[in-house]
């Protein structure tokens, strides 16, 4: 799934790129891509550091979304299959 598809699927309106739902979905796509990359290149520590930063950022955004809108938080976690 490319960036435009993710934005149109999770955005609140046309061209919405800043809402927490879109940001979390984009980060999740990037995290899954980097996870696959690290399976092929296990010694790529620069990528591993970037992946850990992305995971932390997604965790903070999820915490924000949980505080502000619990229903959207639950729906997004279910849709993206995030534990």
PDB file of N, CA and C in Angstrom:
ATOM      1  N   UNK A   1       0.848  -1.171   0.000  1.00  0.00           N
ATOM      2  CA  UNK A   1       0.000   0.000   0.000  1.00  0.00           C
ATOM      3  C   UNK A   1       0.901   1.245   0.000  1.00  0.00           C
ATOM      4  N   UNK A   2       0.656   2.157  -0.925  1.00  0.00           N
ATOM      5  CA  UNK A   2       1.514   3.333  -0.982  1.00  0.00           C
ATOM      6  C   UNK A   2       0.954   4.463  -0.113  1.00  0.00           C
ATOM      7  N   UNK A   3       1.704   5.537  -0.063  1.00  0.00           N
ATOM      8  CA  UNK A   3       1.394   6.642   0.847  1.00  0.00           C
ATOM      9  C   UNK A   3       0.035   7.284   0.542  1.00  0.00           C
ATOM     10  N   UNK A   4      -0.260   7.517  -0.736  1.00  0.00           N
ATOM     11  CA  UNK A   4      -1.530   8.156  -1.101  1.00  0.00           C
ATOM     12  C   UNK A   4      -2.730   7.292  -0.727  1.00  0.00           C
ATOM     13  N   UNK A   5      -2.592   5.975  -0.897  1.00  0.00           N
ATOM     14  CA  UNK A   5      -3.688   5.070  -0.530  1.00  0.00           C
ATOM     15  C   UNK A   5      -3.947   5.113   0.970  1.00  0.00           C
ATOM     16  N   UNK A   6      -2.880   5.132   1.752  1.00  0.00           N
ATOM     17  CA  UNK A   6      -3.009   5.178   3.210  1.00  0.00           C
ATOM     18  C   UNK A   6      -3.673   6.485   3.635  1.00  0.00           C
ATOM     19  N   UNK A   7      -3.251   7.593   3.032  1.00  0.00           N
ATOM     20  CA  UNK A   7      -3.822   8.896   3.386  1.00  0.00           C
ATOM     21  C   UNK A   7      -5.308   8.939   3.039  1.00  0.00           C
ATOM     22  N   UNK A   8      -5.675   8.422   1.869  1.00  0.00           N
ATOM     23  CA  UNK A   8      -7.097   8.467   1.495  1.00  0.00           C
ATOM     24  C   UNK A   8      -7.928   7.514   2.343  1.00  0.00           C
ATOM     25  N   UNK A   9      -7.336   6.402   2.775  1.00  0.00           N
ATOM     26  CA  UNK A   9      -8.087   5.424   3.568  1.00  0.00           C
ATOM     27  C   UNK A   9      -8.319   5.899   5.003  1.00  0.00           C
ATOM     28  N   UNK A  10      -7.306   6.472   5.633  1.00  0.00           N
ATOM     29  CA  UNK A  10      -7.387   6.825   7.050  1.00  0.00           C
ATOM     30  C   UNK A  10      -7.646   8.303   7.307  1.00  0.00           C
ATOM     31  N   UNK A  11      -7.581   9.138   6.274  1.00  0.00           N
ATOM     32  CA  UNK A  11      -7.784  10.570   6.461  1.00  0.00           C
ATOM     33  C   UNK A  11      -9.219  10.905   6.811  1.00  0.00           C
ATOM     34  N   UNK A  12      -9.390  11.972   7.567  1.00  0.00           N
ATOM     35  CA  UNK A  12     -10.729  12.417   7.950  1.00  0.00           C
ATOM     36  C   UNK A  12     -11.436  13.106   6.800  1.00  0.00           C
ATOM     37  N   UNK A  13     -10.645  13.764   5.921  1.00  0.00           N
ATOM     38  CA  UNK A  13     -11.187  14.427   4.749  1.00  0.00           C
ATOM     39  C   UNK A  13     -10.135  14.375   3.655  1.00  0.00           C
ATOM     40  N   UNK A  14     -10.447  14.927   2.510  1.00  0.00           N
ATOM     41  CA  UNK A  14      -9.518  14.907   1.384  1.00  0.00           C
ATOM     42  C   UNK A  14      -8.255  15.705   1.709  1.00  0.00           C
ATOM     43  N   UNK A  15      -7.096  15.104   1.496  1.00  0.00           N
ATOM     44  CA  UNK A  15      -5.837  15.789   1.725  1.00  0.00           C
ATOM     45  C   UNK A  15      -5.405  15.866   3.178  1.00  0.00           C
ATOM     46  N   UNK A  16      -6.033  15.102   4.056  1.00  0.00           N
ATOM     47  CA  UNK A  16      -5.692  15.129   5.474  1.00  0.00           C
ATOM     48  C   UNK A  16      -4.447  14.278   5.712  1.00  0.00           C
ATOM     49  N   UNK A  17      -3.349  14.935   6.066  1.00  0.00           N
ATOM     50  CA  UNK A  17      -2.120  14.190   6.331  1.00  0.00           C
ATOM     51  C   UNK A  17      -1.654  14.345   7.765  1.00  0.00           C
ATOM     52  N   UNK A  18      -2.301  15.214   8.540  1.00  0.00           N
ATOM     53  CA  UNK A  18      -1.802  15.513   9.872  1.00  0.00           C
ATOM     54  C   UNK A  18      -2.559  14.854  11.004  1.00  0.00           C
ATOM     55  N   UNK A  19      -3.691  14.236  10.722  1.00  0.00           N
ATOM     56  CA  UNK A  19      -4.455  13.641  11.815  1.00  0.00           C
ATOM     57  C   UNK A  19      -3.681  12.451  12.390  1.00  0.00           C
ATOM     58  N   UNK A  20      -3.865  12.170  13.673  1.00  0.00           N
ATOM     59  CA  UNK A  20      -3.126  11.076  14.299  1.00  0.00           C
ATOM     60  C   UNK A  20      -3.359   9.732  13.609  1.00  0.00           C
ATOM     61  N   UNK A  21      -4.573   9.498  13.102  1.00  0.00           N
ATOM     62  CA  UNK A  21      -4.859   8.228  12.449  1.00  0.00           C
ATOM     63  C   UNK A  21      -3.975   8.025  11.218  1.00  0.00           C
ATOM     64  N   UNK A  22      -3.840   9.078  10.421  1.00  0.00           N
ATOM     65  CA  UNK A  22      -3.017   8.993   9.212  1.00  0.00           C
ATOM     66  C   UNK A  22      -1.551   8.817   9.583  1.00  0.00           C
ATOM     67  N   UNK A  23      -1.092   9.592  10.558  1.00  0.00           N
ATOM     68  CA  UNK A  23       0.308   9.499  10.967  1.00  0.00           C
ATOM     69  C   UNK A  23       0.637   8.101  11.481  1.00  0.00           C
ATOM     70  N   UNK A  24      -0.255   7.525  12.284  1.00  0.00           N
ATOM     71  CA  UNK A  24      -0.020   6.188  12.828  1.00  0.00           C
ATOM     72  C   UNK A  24      -0.011   5.152  11.711  1.00  0.00           C
ATOM     73  N   UNK A  25      -0.928   5.279  10.751  1.00  0.00           N
ATOM     74  CA  UNK A  25      -0.984   4.331   9.642  1.00  0.00           C
ATOM     75  C   UNK A  25       0.275   4.418   8.779  1.00  0.00           C
ATOM     76  N   UNK A  26       0.751   5.639   8.517  1.00  0.00           N
ATOM     77  CA  UNK A  26       1.976   5.800   7.734  1.00  0.00           C
ATOM     78  C   UNK A  26       3.183   5.235   8.479  1.00  0.00           C
ATOM     79  N   UNK A  27       3.247   5.494   9.781  1.00  0.00           N
ATOM     80  CA  UNK A  27       4.360   4.953  10.566  1.00  0.00           C
ATOM     81  C   UNK A  27       4.308   3.433  10.586  1.00  0.00           C
ATOM     82  N   UNK A  28       3.119   2.864  10.680  1.00  0.00           N
ATOM     83  CA  UNK A  28       2.983   1.405  10.708  1.00  0.00           C
ATOM     84  C   UNK A  28       3.467   0.783   9.403  1.00  0.00           C
ATOM     85  N   UNK A  29       3.153   1.415   8.279  1.00  0.00           N
ATOM     86  CA  UNK A  29       3.623   0.915   6.986  1.00  0.00           C
ATOM     87  C   UNK A  29       5.138   0.979   6.910  1.00  0.00           C
ATOM     88  N   UNK A  30       5.697   2.077   7.374  1.00  0.00           N
ATOM     89  CA  UNK A  30       7.161   2.225   7.360  1.00  0.00           C
ATOM     90  C   UNK A  30       7.824   1.225   8.292  1.00  0.00           C
ATOM     91  N   UNK A  31       7.220   0.990   9.464  1.00  0.00           N
ATOM     92  CA  UNK A  31       7.767   0.040  10.429  1.00  0.00           C
ATOM     93  C   UNK A  31       7.771  -1.367   9.844  1.00  0.00           C
ATOM     94  N   UNK A  32       6.692  -1.759   9.187  1.00  0.00           N
ATOM     95  CA  UNK A  32       6.655  -3.108   8.606  1.00  0.00           C
ATOM     96  C   UNK A  32       7.686  -3.246   7.485  1.00  0.00           C
ATOM     97  N   UNK A  33       7.873  -2.187   6.690  1.00  0.00           N
ATOM     98  CA  UNK A  33       8.881  -2.229   5.633  1.00  0.00           C
ATOM     99  C   UNK A  33      10.283  -2.384   6.224  1.00  0.00           C
ATOM    100  N   UNK A  34      10.595  -1.598   7.251  1.00  0.00           N
ATOM    101  CA  UNK A  34      11.923  -1.669   7.851  1.00  0.00           C
ATOM    102  C   UNK A  34      12.139  -2.988   8.576  1.00  0.00           C
ATOM    103  N   UNK A  35      11.099  -3.568   9.135  1.00  0.00           N
ATOM    104  CA  UNK A  35      11.215  -4.870   9.789  1.00  0.00           C
ATOM    105  C   UNK A  35      11.616  -5.935   8.775  1.00  0.00           C
ATOM    106  N   UNK A  36      10.988  -5.898   7.607  1.00  0.00           N
ATOM    107  CA  UNK A  36      11.363  -6.847   6.547  1.00  0.00           C
ATOM    108  C   UNK A  36      12.794  -6.598   6.079  1.00  0.00           C
ATOM    109  N   UNK A  37      13.189  -5.342   5.980  1.00  0.00           N
ATOM    110  CA  UNK A  37      14.552  -5.007   5.575  1.00  0.00           C
ATOM    111  C   UNK A  37      15.566  -5.591   6.566  1.00  0.00           C
ATOM    112  N   UNK A  38      15.253  -5.475   7.857  1.00  0.00           N
ATOM    113  CA  UNK A  38      16.187  -5.959   8.872  1.00  0.00           C
ATOM    114  C   UNK A  38      16.258  -7.483   8.917  1.00  0.00           C
ATOM    115  N   UNK A  39      15.228  -8.168   8.442  1.00  0.00           N
ATOM    116  CA  UNK A  39      15.309  -9.625   8.343  1.00  0.00           C
ATOM    117  C   UNK A  39      16.337 -10.029   7.294  1.00  0.00           C
ATOM    118  N   UNK A  40      16.436  -9.228   6.236  1.00  0.00           N
ATOM    119  CA  UNK A  40      17.408  -9.502   5.178  1.00  0.00           C
ATOM    120  C   UNK A  40      18.811  -9.011   5.542  1.00  0.00           C
ATOM    121  N   UNK A  41      18.891  -7.923   6.327  1.00  0.00           N
ATOM    122  CA  UNK A  41      20.167  -7.293   6.671  1.00  0.00           C
ATOM    123  C   UNK A  41      20.269  -7.137   8.192  1.00  0.00           C
ATOM    124  N   UNK A  42      20.554  -8.203   8.900  1.00  0.00           N
ATOM    125  CA  UNK A  42      20.500  -8.148  10.373  1.00  0.00           C
ATOM    126  C   UNK A  42      21.562  -7.260  11.024  1.00  0.00           C
ATOM    127  N   UNK A  43      22.627  -6.923  10.308  1.00  0.00           N
ATOM    128  CA  UNK A  43      23.685  -6.107  10.919  1.00  0.00           C
ATOM    129  C   UNK A  43      23.548  -4.622  10.610  1.00  0.00           C
ATOM    130  N   UNK A  44      22.446  -4.221   9.993  1.00  0.00           N
ATOM    131  CA  UNK A  44      22.215  -2.823   9.626  1.00  0.00           C
ATOM    132  C   UNK A  44      21.714  -2.062  10.862  1.00  0.00           C
ATOM    133  N   UNK A  45      22.658  -1.617  11.673  1.00  0.00           N
ATOM    134  CA  UNK A  45      22.298  -0.990  12.942  1.00  0.00           C
ATOM    135  C   UNK A  45      21.751   0.424  12.777  1.00  0.00           C
ATOM    136  N   UNK A  46      22.117   1.124  11.720  1.00  0.00           N
ATOM    137  CA  UNK A  46      21.562   2.457  11.482  1.00  0.00           C
ATOM    138  C   UNK A  46      20.056   2.360  11.236  1.00  0.00           C
ATOM    139  N   UNK A  47      19.659   1.377  10.460  1.00  0.00           N
ATOM    140  CA  UNK A  47      18.233   1.180  10.204  1.00  0.00           C
ATOM    141  C   UNK A  47      17.513   0.747  11.472  1.00  0.00           C
ATOM    142  N   UNK A  48      18.171  -0.083  12.270  1.00  0.00           N
ATOM    143  CA  UNK A  48      17.563  -0.546  13.521  1.00  0.00           C
ATOM    144  C   UNK A  48      17.273   0.634  14.454  1.00  0.00           C
ATOM    145  N   UNK A  49      18.186   1.583  14.532  1.00  0.00           N
ATOM    146  CA  UNK A  49      17.981   2.766  15.372  1.00  0.00           C
ATOM    147  C   UNK A  49      16.800   3.592  14.850  1.00  0.00           C
ATOM    148  N   UNK A  50      16.742   3.772  13.529  1.00  0.00           N
ATOM    149  CA  UNK A  50      15.628   4.497  12.943  1.00  0.00           C
ATOM    150  C   UNK A  50      14.303   3.798  13.200  1.00  0.00           C
ATOM    151  N   UNK A  51      14.304   2.467  13.135  1.00  0.00           N
ATOM    152  CA  UNK A  51      13.096   1.698  13.400  1.00  0.00           C
ATOM    153  C   UNK A  51      12.634   1.883  14.841  1.00  0.00           C
ATOM    154  N   UNK A  52      13.555   1.865  15.773  1.00  0.00           N
ATOM    155  CA  UNK A  52      13.188   2.055  17.180  1.00  0.00           C
ATOM    156  C   UNK A  52      12.613   3.448  17.419  1.00  0.00           C
ATOM    157  N   UNK A  53      13.148   4.456  16.736  1.00  0.00           N
ATOM    158  CA  UNK A  53      12.603   5.810  16.868  1.00  0.00           C
ATOM    159  C   UNK A  53      11.187   5.885  16.306  1.00  0.00           C
ATOM    160  N   UNK A  54      10.946   5.217  15.175  1.00  0.00           N
ATOM    161  CA  UNK A  54       9.616   5.214  14.587  1.00  0.00           C
ATOM    162  C   UNK A  54       8.611   4.506  15.496  1.00  0.00           C
ATOM    163  N   UNK A  55       9.032   3.404  16.102  1.00  0.00           N
ATOM    164  CA  UNK A  55       8.150   2.669  17.009  1.00  0.00           C
ATOM    165  C   UNK A  55       7.793   3.544  18.210  1.00  0.00           C
ATOM    166  N   UNK A  56       8.765   4.284  18.741  1.00  0.00           N
ATOM    167  CA  UNK A  56       8.504   5.177  19.865  1.00  0.00           C
ATOM    168  C   UNK A  56       7.545   6.297  19.494  1.00  0.00           C
ATOM    169  N   UNK A  57       7.721   6.843  18.303  1.00  0.00           N
ATOM    170  CA  UNK A  57       6.830   7.916  17.859  1.00  0.00           C
ATOM    171  C   UNK A  57       5.410   7.404  17.676  1.00  0.00           C
ATOM    172  N   UNK A  58       5.275   6.206  17.095  1.00  0.00           N
ATOM    173  CA  UNK A  58       3.942   5.622  16.924  1.00  0.00           C
ATOM    174  C   UNK A  58       3.299   5.345  18.279  1.00  0.00           C
ATOM    175  N   UNK A  59       4.096   4.903  19.239  1.00  0.00           N
ATOM    176  CA  UNK A  59       3.570   4.630  20.576  1.00  0.00           C
ATOM    177  C   UNK A  59       3.036   5.905  21.232  1.00  0.00           C
ATOM    178  N   UNK A  60       3.765   7.012  21.073  1.00  0.00           N
ATOM    179  CA  UNK A  60       3.306   8.288  21.632  1.00  0.00           C
ATOM    180  C   UNK A  60       2.025   8.770  20.957  1.00  0.00           C
ATOM    181  N   UNK A  61       1.951   8.620  19.637  1.00  0.00           N
ATOM    182  CA  UNK A  61       0.738   9.025  18.923  1.00  0.00           C
ATOM    183  C   UNK A  61      -0.454   8.153  19.325  1.00  0.00           C
ATOM    184  N   UNK A  62      -0.224   6.863  19.524  1.00  0.00           N
ATOM    185  CA  UNK A  62      -1.303   5.984  19.973  1.00  0.00           C
ATOM    186  C   UNK A  62      -1.778   6.374  21.366  1.00  0.00           C
ATOM    187  N   UNK A  63      -0.860   6.724  22.235  1.00  0.00           N
ATOM    188  CA  UNK A  63      -1.245   7.151  23.583  1.00  0.00           C
ATOM    189  C   UNK A  63      -2.080   8.426  23.521  1.00  0.00           C
ATOM    190  N   UNK A  64      -1.705   9.357  22.645  1.00  0.00           N
ATOM    191  CA  UNK A  64      -2.469  10.591  22.474  1.00  0.00           C
ATOM    192  C   UNK A  64      -3.873  10.287  21.968  1.00  0.00           C
ATOM    193  N   UNK A  65      -3.947   9.427  20.966  1.00  0.00           N
ATOM    194  CA  UNK A  65      -5.250   9.088  20.397  1.00  0.00           C
ATOM    195  C   UNK A  65      -6.128   8.366  21.419  1.00  0.00           C
ATOM    196  N   UNK A  66      -5.521   7.537  22.242  1.00  0.00           N
ATOM    197  CA  UNK A  66      -6.280   6.836  23.288  1.00  0.00           C
ATOM    198  C   UNK A  66      -6.863   7.826  24.299  1.00  0.00           C
ATOM    199  N   UNK A  67      -6.084   8.856  24.642  1.00  0.00           N
ATOM    200  CA  UNK A  67      -6.572   9.872  25.593  1.00  0.00           C
ATOM    201  C   UNK A  67      -7.695  10.706  25.003  1.00  0.00           C
ATOM    202  N   UNK A  68      -7.586  11.038  23.715  1.00  0.00           N
ATOM    203  CA  UNK A  68      -8.516  11.993  23.133  1.00  0.00           C
ATOM    204  C   UNK A  68      -9.753  11.341  22.523  1.00  0.00           C
ATOM    205  N   UNK A  69      -9.601  10.169  21.887  1.00  0.00           N
ATOM    206  CA  UNK A  69     -10.741   9.537  21.213  1.00  0.00           C
ATOM    207  C   UNK A  69     -10.587   8.023  21.272  1.00  0.00           C
ATOM    208  N   UNK A  70     -11.159   7.425  22.298  1.00  0.00           N
ATOM    209  CA  UNK A  70     -10.976   5.999  22.566  1.00  0.00           C
ATOM    210  C   UNK A  70     -11.551   5.125  21.453  1.00  0.00           C
ATOM    211  N   UNK A  71     -12.681   5.515  20.896  1.00  0.00           N
ATOM    212  CA  UNK A  71     -13.301   4.700  19.837  1.00  0.00           C
ATOM    213  C   UNK A  71     -12.424   4.645  18.582  1.00  0.00           C
ATOM    214  N   UNK A  72     -11.893   5.794  18.156  1.00  0.00           N
ATOM    215  CA  UNK A  72     -11.002   5.801  16.993  1.00  0.00           C
ATOM    216  C   UNK A  72      -9.731   5.016  17.275  1.00  0.00           C
ATOM    217  N   UNK A  73      -9.245   5.115  18.522  1.00  0.00           N
ATOM    218  CA  UNK A  73      -8.056   4.370  18.926  1.00  0.00           C
ATOM    219  C   UNK A  73      -8.277   2.868  18.764  1.00  0.00           C
ATOM    220  N   UNK A  74      -9.396   2.377  19.281  1.00  0.00           N
ATOM    221  CA  UNK A  74      -9.684   0.937  19.198  1.00  0.00           C
ATOM    222  C   UNK A  74      -9.881   0.481  17.757  1.00  0.00           C
ATOM    223  N   UNK A  75     -10.593   1.287  16.981  1.00  0.00           N
ATOM    224  CA  UNK A  75     -10.834   0.932  15.580  1.00  0.00           C
ATOM    225  C   UNK A  75      -9.524   0.898  14.781  1.00  0.00           C
ATOM    226  N   UNK A  76      -8.650   1.870  15.040  1.00  0.00           N
ATOM    227  CA  UNK A  76      -7.379   1.934  14.314  1.00  0.00           C
ATOM    228  C   UNK A  76      -6.477   0.770  14.689  1.00  0.00           C
ATOM    229  N   UNK A  77      -6.419   0.431  15.973  1.00  0.00           N
ATOM    230  CA  UNK A  77      -5.599  -0.707  16.398  1.00  0.00           C
ATOM    231  C   UNK A  77      -6.096  -2.001  15.773  1.00  0.00           C
ATOM    232  N   UNK A  78      -7.399  -2.143  15.691  1.00  0.00           N
ATOM    233  CA  UNK A  78      -7.968  -3.350  15.090  1.00  0.00           C
ATOM    234  C   UNK A  78      -7.664  -3.399  13.597  1.00  0.00           C
ATOM    235  N   UNK A  79      -7.821  -2.276  12.916  1.00  0.00           N
ATOM    236  CA  UNK A  79      -7.602  -2.218  11.472  1.00  0.00           C
ATOM    237  C   UNK A  79      -6.135  -2.480  11.108  1.00  0.00           C
ATOM    238  N   UNK A  80      -5.221  -1.906  11.891  1.00  0.00           N
ATOM    239  CA  UNK A  80      -3.789  -2.054  11.583  1.00  0.00           C
ATOM    240  C   UNK A  80      -3.174  -3.286  12.228  1.00  0.00           C
ATOM    241  N   UNK A  81      -3.955  -3.990  13.037  1.00  0.00           N
ATOM    242  CA  UNK A  81      -3.476  -5.201  13.736  1.00  0.00           C
ATOM    243  C   UNK A  81      -2.269  -4.895  14.605  1.00  0.00           C
ATOM    244  N   UNK A  82      -2.411  -3.831  15.416  1.00  0.00           N
ATOM    245  CA  UNK A  82      -1.365  -3.448  16.360  1.00  0.00           C
ATOM    246  C   UNK A  82      -1.748  -3.978  17.721  1.00  0.00           C
ATOM    247  N   UNK A  83      -0.799  -4.568  18.417  1.00  0.00           N
ATOM    248  CA  UNK A  83      -1.094  -5.075  19.756  1.00  0.00           C
ATOM    249  C   UNK A  83      -1.120  -3.965  20.757  1.00  0.00           C
TER     250      UNK A  83
END
